[in-house]
Amino acid sequence: MAKRIEFSQHGGSDVLQYRDYQPAAPGPREVRVANQAIGLNFIDTYFRSGLYQPPALPSSLGTEGAGVVEAVGSEVEGFAVGDRVAYATGPLGAYSELHVLPADKLVKLPDSISFEQAAAVMLKGLTVQYLLRQTYELKGGETILFHAAAGGVGSFACQWAKALGVNLIGTVSSAEKAARAKEQGAWATIDYSHENVVQRVLELTDGAKCPVVYDGVGKDTWATSLDCVAPRGLLVSFGNASGAVTGVNLGILAQKGSLYVTRPTLAGYATSAQRLQAMADDLFGMIASGKLQVEISNRYALKDAAAAQDALSSRQTTGSTILLP
């Protein structure tokens, strides 16, 4: 028997339960991982609330973690018992002591990266990798807008953008978070609690606006983001922290300057084991070079996952939060 977090109905954090369960034996192409650290992410709350649907109920949560291979299926190649591994692309079930998942969802974890670092960085770091290096390949010299720049994804984006020679304007909700974003590498910040985001973007870009805007907030910032994109520029809507964007009139893209919009996901970029490992290697290389610092601001016991999710949803956290089995 092992312990995991599960839920039998959608709702607030009070639906999460810490329970005993019997981990499955790995299938022919699966691996069972003994988690040493587990990542906490906004997408976990989407599955819990019902914004995203799990395959079935009751369900566990989480798609990110790091640990040691405990068992391998009969057809698995490239992984052996005792290997250090990390994962970030599912299936659900990372909020557990033992997690069974397809071998092609795992990456090899270098000895230079700790389990806690990997659990804190995999999903957020791989997200930044595809956003900045693939969805819109930044070359250096651009001025971009990135919402929630002091959060987990935002903090890594600030650092990576600075390393690329990109001027990142980050939106934040307080003076403290503005200071944090600047420390992480933001070129400028906009405190939306008392500043007009569109007006400040116009001032900072001499009226040119931004060739790309990265918006992981969703509903609350959608209209603002459109007004910050330069003509024929790209709005990258990659998250729903404030709720999903709905009822979009495509005609607004014409009115705002023949804009482009994309709604990418990590799964849409990590489409094979080889691509996933290559993206992870890029991420691990940034960490090894010192250009990307992994700051773990909050650690919770696995049994306290509900409290951890509440802190995340209320935007009380900065940096990364992990769960420890």
C-alpha atoms as a PDB file:
ATOM      1  CA  MET A   1       0.000   0.000   0.000  1.00  0.00           C
ATOM      2  CA  ALA A   2       1.000   3.606  -0.536  1.00  0.00           C
ATOM      3  CA  LYS A   3      -0.458   7.054   0.105  1.00  0.00           C
ATOM      4  CA  ARG A   4      -1.881   9.515  -2.412  1.00  0.00           C
ATOM      5  CA  ILE A   5      -4.146  12.541  -2.733  1.00  0.00           C
ATOM      6  CA  GLU A   6      -7.419  11.844  -4.531  1.00  0.00           C
ATOM      7  CA  PHE A   7     -10.835  13.402  -5.086  1.00  0.00           C
ATOM      8  CA  SER A   8     -14.229  11.862  -5.864  1.00  0.00           C
ATOM      9  CA  GLN A   9     -16.076  15.045  -6.871  1.00  0.00           C
ATOM     10  CA  HIS A  10     -15.161  18.437  -8.268  1.00  0.00           C
ATOM     11  CA  GLY A  11     -15.000  21.472  -6.033  1.00  0.00           C
ATOM     12  CA  GLY A  12     -12.711  23.463  -3.781  1.00  0.00           C
ATOM     13  CA  SER A  13      -9.633  22.182  -2.016  1.00  0.00           C
ATOM     14  CA  ASP A  14     -11.854  20.538   0.613  1.00  0.00           C
ATOM     15  CA  VAL A  15     -12.610  17.698  -1.846  1.00  0.00           C
ATOM     16  CA  LEU A  16      -8.986  16.503  -1.674  1.00  0.00           C
ATOM     17  CA  GLN A  17      -8.436  13.425   0.507  1.00  0.00           C
ATOM     18  CA  TYR A  18      -5.209  11.748   1.677  1.00  0.00           C
ATOM     19  CA  ARG A  19      -5.770   8.016   1.293  1.00  0.00           C
ATOM     20  CA  ASP A  20      -4.176   4.590   1.095  1.00  0.00           C
ATOM     21  CA  TYR A  21      -4.196   2.969  -2.333  1.00  0.00           C
ATOM     22  CA  GLN A  22      -2.678  -0.015  -4.093  1.00  0.00           C
ATOM     23  CA  PRO A  23      -0.245   1.098  -6.831  1.00  0.00           C
ATOM     24  CA  ALA A  24      -0.563  -0.826 -10.057  1.00  0.00           C
ATOM     25  CA  ALA A  25       2.223  -2.939 -11.469  1.00  0.00           C
ATOM     26  CA  PRO A  26       3.748  -1.236 -14.521  1.00  0.00           C
ATOM     27  CA  GLY A  27       2.466  -2.376 -17.901  1.00  0.00           C
ATOM     28  CA  PRO A  28       4.854  -3.537 -20.645  1.00  0.00           C
ATOM     29  CA  ARG A  29       5.863   0.023 -21.609  1.00  0.00           C
ATOM     30  CA  GLU A  30       5.389   1.656 -18.219  1.00  0.00           C
ATOM     31  CA  VAL A  31       7.614   2.551 -15.279  1.00  0.00           C
ATOM     32  CA  ARG A  32       6.794   2.863 -11.587  1.00  0.00           C
ATOM     33  CA  VAL A  33       8.520   5.805  -9.914  1.00  0.00           C
ATOM     34  CA  ALA A  34       9.056   6.283  -6.187  1.00  0.00           C
ATOM     35  CA  ASN A  35       8.469  10.013  -5.945  1.00  0.00           C
ATOM     36  CA  GLN A  36      10.964  12.047  -3.942  1.00  0.00           C
ATOM     37  CA  ALA A  37       9.379  15.425  -4.726  1.00  0.00           C
ATOM     38  CA  ILE A  38       6.197  16.542  -6.523  1.00  0.00           C
ATOM     39  CA  GLY A  39       5.437  19.764  -8.373  1.00  0.00           C
ATOM     40  CA  LEU A  40       2.461  21.994  -7.571  1.00  0.00           C
ATOM     41  CA  ASN A  41       0.872  23.834 -10.518  1.00  0.00           C
ATOM     42  CA  PHE A  42      -2.247  25.819 -11.426  1.00  0.00           C
ATOM     43  CA  ILE A  43      -3.345  23.099 -13.831  1.00  0.00           C
ATOM     44  CA  ASP A  44      -3.822  20.804 -10.823  1.00  0.00           C
ATOM     45  CA  THR A  45      -6.582  23.104  -9.557  1.00  0.00           C
ATOM     46  CA  TYR A  46      -8.251  23.045 -13.002  1.00  0.00           C
ATOM     47  CA  PHE A  47      -8.707  19.253 -12.784  1.00  0.00           C
ATOM     48  CA  ARG A  48      -9.896  19.495  -9.178  1.00  0.00           C
ATOM     49  CA  SER A  49     -12.446  22.234  -9.945  1.00  0.00           C
ATOM     50  CA  GLY A  50     -13.773  20.577 -13.103  1.00  0.00           C
ATOM     51  CA  LEU A  51     -12.478  23.167 -15.588  1.00  0.00           C
ATOM     52  CA  TYR A  52     -10.530  20.219 -17.031  1.00  0.00           C
ATOM     53  CA  GLN A  53     -11.994  16.732 -16.818  1.00  0.00           C
ATOM     54  CA  PRO A  54      -9.944  13.812 -15.447  1.00  0.00           C
ATOM     55  CA  PRO A  55     -10.356  10.458 -17.225  1.00  0.00           C
ATOM     56  CA  ALA A  56     -12.504   9.140 -14.355  1.00  0.00           C
ATOM     57  CA  LEU A  57     -13.469   9.732 -10.733  1.00  0.00           C
ATOM     58  CA  PRO A  58     -12.125   9.134  -8.169  1.00  0.00           C
ATOM     59  CA  SER A  59      -8.894  10.588  -9.515  1.00  0.00           C
ATOM     60  CA  SER A  60      -5.505  11.596  -8.247  1.00  0.00           C
ATOM     61  CA  LEU A  61      -3.834  14.854  -9.278  1.00  0.00           C
ATOM     62  CA  GLY A  62      -0.570  16.188 -10.596  1.00  0.00           C
ATOM     63  CA  THR A  63       1.573  15.567 -13.655  1.00  0.00           C
ATOM     64  CA  GLU A  64       5.006  16.626 -12.365  1.00  0.00           C
ATOM     65  CA  GLY A  65       7.508  14.941 -10.123  1.00  0.00           C
ATOM     66  CA  ALA A  66      10.946  13.460  -9.700  1.00  0.00           C
ATOM     67  CA  GLY A  67      12.169  10.287  -8.130  1.00  0.00           C
ATOM     68  CA  VAL A  68      13.761   6.889  -8.575  1.00  0.00           C
ATOM     69  CA  VAL A  69      12.638   4.108 -10.910  1.00  0.00           C
ATOM     70  CA  GLU A  70      11.275   1.309  -8.728  1.00  0.00           C
ATOM     71  CA  ALA A  71       9.980  -1.099 -11.400  1.00  0.00           C
ATOM     72  CA  VAL A  72       9.965  -1.287 -15.203  1.00  0.00           C
ATOM     73  CA  GLY A  73       7.698  -3.023 -17.692  1.00  0.00           C
ATOM     74  CA  SER A  74       8.872  -5.900 -19.860  1.00  0.00           C
ATOM     75  CA  GLU A  75       9.229  -3.806 -23.036  1.00  0.00           C
ATOM     76  CA  VAL A  76      10.817  -0.697 -21.524  1.00  0.00           C
ATOM     77  CA  GLU A  77      14.145   0.341 -22.989  1.00  0.00           C
ATOM     78  CA  GLY A  78      16.425   3.096 -21.757  1.00  0.00           C
ATOM     79  CA  PHE A  79      15.354   3.024 -18.105  1.00  0.00           C
ATOM     80  CA  ALA A  80      16.355   0.666 -15.294  1.00  0.00           C
ATOM     81  CA  VAL A  81      15.543   0.231 -11.617  1.00  0.00           C
ATOM     82  CA  GLY A  82      17.455   2.855  -9.625  1.00  0.00           C
ATOM     83  CA  ASP A  83      17.582   5.486 -12.393  1.00  0.00           C
ATOM     84  CA  ARG A  84      17.003   9.109 -11.397  1.00  0.00           C
ATOM     85  CA  VAL A  85      14.115  10.464 -13.475  1.00  0.00           C
ATOM     86  CA  ALA A  86      11.698  13.361 -13.749  1.00  0.00           C
ATOM     87  CA  TYR A  87       8.401  13.924 -15.565  1.00  0.00           C
ATOM     88  CA  ALA A  88       5.929  16.707 -16.297  1.00  0.00           C
ATOM     89  CA  THR A  89       3.468  15.608 -18.970  1.00  0.00           C
ATOM     90  CA  GLY A  90       1.157  13.180 -17.219  1.00  0.00           C
ATOM     91  CA  PRO A  91      -0.819  11.073 -16.764  1.00  0.00           C
ATOM     92  CA  LEU A  92      -2.516  12.351 -13.599  1.00  0.00           C
ATOM     93  CA  GLY A  93      -1.271  10.766 -10.400  1.00  0.00           C
ATOM     94  CA  ALA A  94       1.877  12.578  -9.319  1.00  0.00           C
ATOM     95  CA  TYR A  95       0.321  13.494  -5.937  1.00  0.00           C
ATOM     96  CA  SER A  96       1.364  10.079  -4.628  1.00  0.00           C
ATOM     97  CA  GLU A  97       4.224   8.140  -3.085  1.00  0.00           C
ATOM     98  CA  LEU A  98       4.363   5.811  -6.113  1.00  0.00           C
ATOM     99  CA  HIS A  99       3.361   6.756  -9.661  1.00  0.00           C
ATOM    100  CA  VAL A 100       3.017   4.508 -12.709  1.00  0.00           C
ATOM    101  CA  LEU A 101       3.408   6.240 -16.063  1.00  0.00           C
ATOM    102  CA  PRO A 102       4.493   5.513 -19.646  1.00  0.00           C
ATOM    103  CA  ALA A 103       8.254   5.368 -20.068  1.00  0.00           C
ATOM    104  CA  ASP A 104       8.068   7.917 -22.903  1.00  0.00           C
ATOM    105  CA  LYS A 105       6.865  10.538 -20.388  1.00  0.00           C
ATOM    106  CA  LEU A 106      10.100  10.286 -18.380  1.00  0.00           C
ATOM    107  CA  VAL A 107      13.400  12.090 -18.826  1.00  0.00           C
ATOM    108  CA  LYS A 108      16.768  11.166 -17.391  1.00  0.00           C
ATOM    109  CA  LEU A 109      17.716  13.473 -14.518  1.00  0.00           C
ATOM    110  CA  PRO A 110      21.381  14.546 -14.388  1.00  0.00           C
ATOM    111  CA  ASP A 111      23.154  14.151 -11.060  1.00  0.00           C
ATOM    112  CA  SER A 112      23.651  17.935 -11.017  1.00  0.00           C
ATOM    113  CA  ILE A 113      19.889  18.498 -10.642  1.00  0.00           C
ATOM    114  CA  SER A 114      18.295  17.543  -7.308  1.00  0.00           C
ATOM    115  CA  PHE A 115      14.896  15.848  -7.029  1.00  0.00           C
ATOM    116  CA  GLU A 116      13.455  18.983  -5.430  1.00  0.00           C
ATOM    117  CA  GLN A 117      14.855  21.190  -8.200  1.00  0.00           C
ATOM    118  CA  ALA A 118      13.421  18.912 -10.873  1.00  0.00           C
ATOM    119  CA  ALA A 119       9.967  18.789  -9.272  1.00  0.00           C
ATOM    120  CA  ALA A 120      10.012  22.574  -8.978  1.00  0.00           C
ATOM    121  CA  VAL A 121      11.215  23.263 -12.516  1.00  0.00           C
ATOM    122  CA  MET A 122      10.026  20.590 -14.947  1.00  0.00           C
ATOM    123  CA  LEU A 123       6.539  21.796 -15.852  1.00  0.00           C
ATOM    124  CA  LYS A 124       7.227  25.508 -15.442  1.00  0.00           C
ATOM    125  CA  GLY A 125      10.663  25.333 -17.045  1.00  0.00           C
ATOM    126  CA  LEU A 126       9.525  23.245 -20.005  1.00  0.00           C
ATOM    127  CA  THR A 127       6.599  25.642 -20.417  1.00  0.00           C
ATOM    128  CA  VAL A 128       9.005  28.583 -20.638  1.00  0.00           C
ATOM    129  CA  GLN A 129      11.210  26.581 -23.012  1.00  0.00           C
ATOM    130  CA  TYR A 130       8.441  26.089 -25.558  1.00  0.00           C
ATOM    131  CA  LEU A 131       7.001  29.599 -25.070  1.00  0.00           C
ATOM    132  CA  LEU A 132      10.261  31.488 -25.580  1.00  0.00           C
ATOM    133  CA  ARG A 133      12.125  29.074 -27.864  1.00  0.00           C
ATOM    134  CA  GLN A 134       9.346  27.549 -29.984  1.00  0.00           C
ATOM    135  CA  THR A 135       5.918  29.229 -29.876  1.00  0.00           C
ATOM    136  CA  TYR A 136       7.607  32.568 -30.599  1.00  0.00           C
ATOM    137  CA  GLU A 137      11.341  32.055 -31.003  1.00  0.00           C
ATOM    138  CA  LEU A 138      12.923  35.060 -29.326  1.00  0.00           C
ATOM    139  CA  LYS A 139      16.182  36.155 -30.922  1.00  0.00           C
ATOM    140  CA  GLY A 140      17.253  38.917 -28.523  1.00  0.00           C
ATOM    141  CA  GLY A 141      16.475  42.623 -28.535  1.00  0.00           C
ATOM    142  CA  GLU A 142      12.678  42.246 -28.500  1.00  0.00           C
ATOM    143  CA  THR A 143      10.492  43.935 -25.877  1.00  0.00           C
ATOM    144  CA  ILE A 144       7.779  41.540 -24.718  1.00  0.00           C
ATOM    145  CA  LEU A 145       4.969  41.474 -22.143  1.00  0.00           C
ATOM    146  CA  PHE A 146       4.634  38.588 -19.695  1.00  0.00           C
ATOM    147  CA  HIS A 147       1.759  38.487 -17.210  1.00  0.00           C
ATOM    148  CA  ALA A 148       2.223  37.303 -13.605  1.00  0.00           C
ATOM    149  CA  ALA A 149       5.970  37.785 -13.836  1.00  0.00           C
ATOM    150  CA  ALA A 150       6.636  37.016 -10.165  1.00  0.00           C
ATOM    151  CA  GLY A 151       4.928  33.619 -10.189  1.00  0.00           C
ATOM    152  CA  GLY A 152       6.444  30.214 -10.838  1.00  0.00           C
ATOM    153  CA  VAL A 153       6.384  30.339 -14.646  1.00  0.00           C
ATOM    154  CA  GLY A 154       6.971  34.090 -14.701  1.00  0.00           C
ATOM    155  CA  SER A 155      10.102  33.896 -12.574  1.00  0.00           C
ATOM    156  CA  PHE A 156      11.703  31.435 -14.990  1.00  0.00           C
ATOM    157  CA  ALA A 157      10.558  33.521 -17.963  1.00  0.00           C
ATOM    158  CA  CYS A 158      12.234  36.617 -16.503  1.00  0.00           C
ATOM    159  CA  GLN A 159      15.522  34.776 -16.116  1.00  0.00           C
ATOM    160  CA  TRP A 160      15.426  33.054 -19.512  1.00  0.00           C
ATOM    161  CA  ALA A 161      14.445  36.246 -21.332  1.00  0.00           C
ATOM    162  CA  LYS A 162      17.310  38.149 -19.739  1.00  0.00           C
ATOM    163  CA  ALA A 163      19.728  35.395 -20.761  1.00  0.00           C
ATOM    164  CA  LEU A 164      18.496  35.785 -24.357  1.00  0.00           C
ATOM    165  CA  GLY A 165      18.927  39.561 -24.312  1.00  0.00           C
ATOM    166  CA  VAL A 166      15.175  40.202 -24.349  1.00  0.00           C
ATOM    167  CA  ASN A 167      13.487  43.124 -22.564  1.00  0.00           C
ATOM    168  CA  LEU A 168      10.684  41.517 -20.551  1.00  0.00           C
ATOM    169  CA  ILE A 169       7.942  43.747 -19.171  1.00  0.00           C
ATOM    170  CA  GLY A 170       6.253  41.856 -16.362  1.00  0.00           C
ATOM    171  CA  THR A 171       2.860  42.534 -14.815  1.00  0.00           C
ATOM    172  CA  VAL A 172       2.596  42.073 -11.043  1.00  0.00           C
ATOM    173  CA  SER A 173       0.080  42.735  -8.265  1.00  0.00           C
ATOM    174  CA  SER A 174       2.243  44.432  -5.620  1.00  0.00           C
ATOM    175  CA  ALA A 175       5.435  46.361  -5.011  1.00  0.00           C
ATOM    176  CA  GLU A 176       6.945  43.265  -3.416  1.00  0.00           C
ATOM    177  CA  LYS A 177       6.241  41.161  -6.501  1.00  0.00           C
ATOM    178  CA  ALA A 178       7.581  43.932  -8.723  1.00  0.00           C
ATOM    179  CA  ALA A 179      10.849  43.838  -6.807  1.00  0.00           C
ATOM    180  CA  ARG A 180      10.961  40.056  -7.130  1.00  0.00           C
ATOM    181  CA  ALA A 181      10.388  40.161 -10.889  1.00  0.00           C
ATOM    182  CA  LYS A 182      13.168  42.725 -11.293  1.00  0.00           C
ATOM    183  CA  GLU A 183      15.494  40.508  -9.235  1.00  0.00           C
ATOM    184  CA  GLN A 184      14.669  37.606 -11.564  1.00  0.00           C
ATOM    185  CA  GLY A 185      15.601  39.617 -14.646  1.00  0.00           C
ATOM    186  CA  ALA A 186      12.536  41.608 -15.724  1.00  0.00           C
ATOM    187  CA  TRP A 187      13.514  44.736 -17.667  1.00  0.00           C
ATOM    188  CA  ALA A 188      10.462  46.635 -16.360  1.00  0.00           C
ATOM    189  CA  THR A 189       7.362  45.888 -14.294  1.00  0.00           C
ATOM    190  CA  ILE A 190       3.779  47.127 -14.266  1.00  0.00           C
ATOM    191  CA  ASP A 191       1.809  46.917 -11.006  1.00  0.00           C
ATOM    192  CA  TYR A 192      -1.737  46.430 -12.271  1.00  0.00           C
ATOM    193  CA  SER A 193      -3.162  47.192  -8.811  1.00  0.00           C
ATOM    194  CA  HIS A 194      -2.615  50.896  -9.510  1.00  0.00           C
ATOM    195  CA  GLU A 195      -1.085  51.238 -12.994  1.00  0.00           C
ATOM    196  CA  ASN A 196      -2.789  51.094 -16.396  1.00  0.00           C
ATOM    197  CA  VAL A 197      -1.104  48.199 -18.176  1.00  0.00           C
ATOM    198  CA  VAL A 198      -1.839  49.303 -21.743  1.00  0.00           C
ATOM    199  CA  GLN A 199      -0.745  52.890 -21.076  1.00  0.00           C
ATOM    200  CA  ARG A 200       2.501  51.734 -19.466  1.00  0.00           C
ATOM    201  CA  VAL A 201       3.253  49.343 -22.336  1.00  0.00           C
ATOM    202  CA  LEU A 202       2.787  52.193 -24.806  1.00  0.00           C
ATOM    203  CA  GLU A 203       5.150  54.354 -22.750  1.00  0.00           C
ATOM    204  CA  LEU A 204       7.787  51.643 -22.391  1.00  0.00           C
ATOM    205  CA  THR A 205       7.727  50.752 -26.090  1.00  0.00           C
ATOM    206  CA  ASP A 206       7.466  54.313 -27.446  1.00  0.00           C
ATOM    207  CA  GLY A 207       4.027  53.446 -28.817  1.00  0.00           C
ATOM    208  CA  ALA A 208       5.164  50.358 -30.717  1.00  0.00           C
ATOM    209  CA  LYS A 209       3.571  47.781 -28.360  1.00  0.00           C
ATOM    210  CA  CYS A 210       4.979  44.236 -28.155  1.00  0.00           C
ATOM    211  CA  PRO A 211       5.553  41.690 -30.926  1.00  0.00           C
ATOM    212  CA  VAL A 212       4.447  38.962 -28.520  1.00  0.00           C
ATOM    213  CA  VAL A 213       2.420  38.946 -25.304  1.00  0.00           C
ATOM    214  CA  TYR A 214       2.443  35.894 -23.024  1.00  0.00           C
ATOM    215  CA  ASP A 215      -0.769  35.538 -21.004  1.00  0.00           C
ATOM    216  CA  GLY A 216      -1.188  32.716 -18.509  1.00  0.00           C
ATOM    217  CA  VAL A 217      -3.892  34.555 -16.528  1.00  0.00           C
ATOM    218  CA  GLY A 218      -6.758  34.125 -18.991  1.00  0.00           C
ATOM    219  CA  LYS A 219     -10.163  35.766 -18.686  1.00  0.00           C
ATOM    220  CA  ASP A 220      -9.170  38.784 -16.587  1.00  0.00           C
ATOM    221  CA  THR A 221      -6.306  39.905 -18.840  1.00  0.00           C
ATOM    222  CA  TRP A 222      -7.536  38.860 -22.294  1.00  0.00           C
ATOM    223  CA  ALA A 223      -8.740  42.305 -23.422  1.00  0.00           C
ATOM    224  CA  THR A 224      -5.711  44.053 -21.953  1.00  0.00           C
ATOM    225  CA  SER A 225      -3.354  41.624 -23.662  1.00  0.00           C
ATOM    226  CA  LEU A 226      -4.934  42.251 -27.074  1.00  0.00           C
ATOM    227  CA  ASP A 227      -4.354  45.985 -26.622  1.00  0.00           C
ATOM    228  CA  CYS A 228      -0.653  45.417 -25.915  1.00  0.00           C
ATOM    229  CA  VAL A 229       0.148  43.390 -29.055  1.00  0.00           C
ATOM    230  CA  ALA A 230       1.777  45.221 -31.946  1.00  0.00           C
ATOM    231  CA  PRO A 231       0.098  45.031 -35.371  1.00  0.00           C
ATOM    232  CA  ARG A 232       0.479  41.520 -36.827  1.00  0.00           C
ATOM    233  CA  GLY A 233       1.911  40.418 -33.486  1.00  0.00           C
ATOM    234  CA  LEU A 234       1.142  37.276 -31.490  1.00  0.00           C
ATOM    235  CA  LEU A 235      -0.883  36.801 -28.311  1.00  0.00           C
ATOM    236  CA  VAL A 236       0.107  33.563 -26.586  1.00  0.00           C
ATOM    237  CA  SER A 237      -2.726  32.549 -24.245  1.00  0.00           C
ATOM    238  CA  PHE A 238      -1.237  29.641 -22.318  1.00  0.00           C
ATOM    239  CA  GLY A 239      -3.189  29.486 -19.048  1.00  0.00           C
ATOM    240  CA  ASN A 240      -6.451  30.099 -17.188  1.00  0.00           C
ATOM    241  CA  ALA A 241      -5.410  31.332 -13.731  1.00  0.00           C
ATOM    242  CA  SER A 242      -8.432  33.675 -13.600  1.00  0.00           C
ATOM    243  CA  GLY A 243     -10.747  31.444 -15.651  1.00  0.00           C
ATOM    244  CA  ALA A 244     -10.994  30.375 -19.265  1.00  0.00           C
ATOM    245  CA  VAL A 245     -11.260  32.815 -22.163  1.00  0.00           C
ATOM    246  CA  THR A 246     -14.665  32.225 -23.801  1.00  0.00           C
ATOM    247  CA  GLY A 247     -16.908  33.854 -26.388  1.00  0.00           C
ATOM    248  CA  VAL A 248     -14.059  35.160 -28.522  1.00  0.00           C
ATOM    249  CA  ASN A 249     -15.061  37.174 -31.577  1.00  0.00           C
ATOM    250  CA  LEU A 250     -12.358  36.616 -34.177  1.00  0.00           C
ATOM    251  CA  GLY A 251     -13.199  39.970 -35.706  1.00  0.00           C
ATOM    252  CA  ILE A 252     -11.479  41.654 -32.754  1.00  0.00           C
ATOM    253  CA  LEU A 253      -8.152  40.406 -34.130  1.00  0.00           C
ATOM    254  CA  ALA A 254      -8.724  42.400 -37.295  1.00  0.00           C
ATOM    255  CA  GLN A 255      -9.749  45.498 -35.352  1.00  0.00           C
ATOM    256  CA  LYS A 256      -6.635  45.361 -33.180  1.00  0.00           C
ATOM    257  CA  GLY A 257      -4.201  45.110 -36.106  1.00  0.00           C
ATOM    258  CA  SER A 258      -4.453  41.738 -37.866  1.00  0.00           C
ATOM    259  CA  LEU A 259      -3.244  39.930 -34.764  1.00  0.00           C
ATOM    260  CA  TYR A 260      -2.423  36.257 -34.287  1.00  0.00           C
ATOM    261  CA  VAL A 261      -3.531  34.231 -31.265  1.00  0.00           C
ATOM    262  CA  THR A 262      -2.423  30.767 -30.167  1.00  0.00           C
ATOM    263  CA  ARG A 263      -3.463  28.557 -27.247  1.00  0.00           C
ATOM    264  CA  PRO A 264      -0.479  26.204 -26.829  1.00  0.00           C
ATOM    265  CA  THR A 265       0.129  23.414 -24.341  1.00  0.00           C
ATOM    266  CA  LEU A 266       3.240  21.560 -23.296  1.00  0.00           C
ATOM    267  CA  ALA A 267       1.747  18.301 -24.586  1.00  0.00           C
ATOM    268  CA  GLY A 268       1.409  19.911 -28.007  1.00  0.00           C
ATOM    269  CA  TYR A 269       5.168  20.490 -28.153  1.00  0.00           C
ATOM    270  CA  ALA A 270       6.540  17.458 -26.267  1.00  0.00           C
ATOM    271  CA  THR A 271       5.009  15.108 -28.825  1.00  0.00           C
ATOM    272  CA  SER A 272       7.624  12.356 -28.578  1.00  0.00           C
ATOM    273  CA  ALA A 273      10.123  11.013 -26.073  1.00  0.00           C
ATOM    274  CA  GLN A 274      12.932  12.463 -28.161  1.00  0.00           C
ATOM    275  CA  ARG A 275      11.413  15.962 -28.288  1.00  0.00           C
ATOM    276  CA  LEU A 276      10.661  15.841 -24.560  1.00  0.00           C
ATOM    277  CA  GLN A 277      14.231  14.868 -23.681  1.00  0.00           C
ATOM    278  CA  ALA A 278      15.629  17.551 -26.011  1.00  0.00           C
ATOM    279  CA  MET A 279      13.475  20.219 -24.356  1.00  0.00           C
ATOM    280  CA  ALA A 280      14.517  18.963 -20.911  1.00  0.00           C
ATOM    281  CA  ASP A 281      18.187  18.963 -21.935  1.00  0.00           C
ATOM    282  CA  ASP A 282      17.832  22.615 -23.010  1.00  0.00           C
ATOM    283  CA  LEU A 283      16.265  23.392 -19.628  1.00  0.00           C
ATOM    284  CA  PHE A 284      18.874  21.464 -17.640  1.00  0.00           C
ATOM    285  CA  GLY A 285      21.595  23.210 -19.632  1.00  0.00           C
ATOM    286  CA  MET A 286      20.241  26.604 -18.604  1.00  0.00           C
ATOM    287  CA  ILE A 287      20.312  25.508 -14.964  1.00  0.00           C
ATOM    288  CA  ALA A 288      23.813  24.017 -15.228  1.00  0.00           C
ATOM    289  CA  SER A 289      25.120  27.239 -16.803  1.00  0.00           C
ATOM    290  CA  GLY A 290      23.776  29.280 -13.916  1.00  0.00           C
ATOM    291  CA  LYS A 291      21.487  31.293 -16.189  1.00  0.00           C
ATOM    292  CA  LEU A 292      18.394  29.787 -14.572  1.00  0.00           C
ATOM    293  CA  GLN A 293      18.120  29.630 -10.785  1.00  0.00           C
ATOM    294  CA  VAL A 294      15.526  27.304  -9.254  1.00  0.00           C
ATOM    295  CA  GLU A 295      14.070  28.902  -6.136  1.00  0.00           C
ATOM    296  CA  ILE A 296      11.811  26.737  -4.000  1.00  0.00           C
ATOM    297  CA  SER A 297       9.857  29.166  -1.855  1.00  0.00           C
ATOM    298  CA  ASN A 298       7.384  26.749  -0.298  1.00  0.00           C
ATOM    299  CA  ARG A 299       7.469  23.102   0.754  1.00  0.00           C
ATOM    300  CA  TYR A 300       4.386  21.217   1.949  1.00  0.00           C
ATOM    301  CA  ALA A 301       3.912  17.635   3.063  1.00  0.00           C
ATOM    302  CA  LEU A 302       1.908  15.641   0.505  1.00  0.00           C
ATOM    303  CA  LYS A 303      -0.924  15.282   3.017  1.00  0.00           C
ATOM    304  CA  ASP A 304      -1.221  19.095   3.114  1.00  0.00           C
ATOM    305  CA  ALA A 305      -1.817  19.456  -0.644  1.00  0.00           C
ATOM    306  CA  ALA A 306      -5.125  21.275  -0.046  1.00  0.00           C
ATOM    307  CA  ALA A 307      -3.412  24.048   1.897  1.00  0.00           C
ATOM    308  CA  ALA A 308      -0.739  24.283  -0.783  1.00  0.00           C
ATOM    309  CA  GLN A 309      -3.360  24.666  -3.525  1.00  0.00           C
ATOM    310  CA  ASP A 310      -5.193  27.344  -1.530  1.00  0.00           C
ATOM    311  CA  ALA A 311      -1.984  29.355  -1.186  1.00  0.00           C
ATOM    312  CA  LEU A 312      -1.325  29.029  -4.912  1.00  0.00           C
ATOM    313  CA  SER A 313      -4.857  29.982  -5.973  1.00  0.00           C
ATOM    314  CA  SER A 314      -4.890  33.066  -3.736  1.00  0.00           C
ATOM    315  CA  ARG A 315      -1.573  34.189  -5.253  1.00  0.00           C
ATOM    316  CA  GLN A 316       0.150  34.125  -1.875  1.00  0.00           C
ATOM    317  CA  THR A 317       3.134  32.284  -3.346  1.00  0.00           C
ATOM    318  CA  THR A 318       6.201  33.395  -5.259  1.00  0.00           C
ATOM    319  CA  GLY A 319       8.635  31.116  -7.019  1.00  0.00           C
ATOM    320  CA  SER A 320       7.950  27.388  -6.940  1.00  0.00           C
ATOM    321  CA  THR A 321       6.054  25.217  -4.462  1.00  0.00           C
ATOM    322  CA  ILE A 322       6.654  21.490  -4.044  1.00  0.00           C
ATOM    323  CA  LEU A 323       5.018  18.627  -2.176  1.00  0.00           C
ATOM    324  CA  LEU A 324       7.079  16.071  -0.292  1.00  0.00           C
ATOM    325  CA  PRO A 325       5.806  12.480   0.171  1.00  0.00           C
END
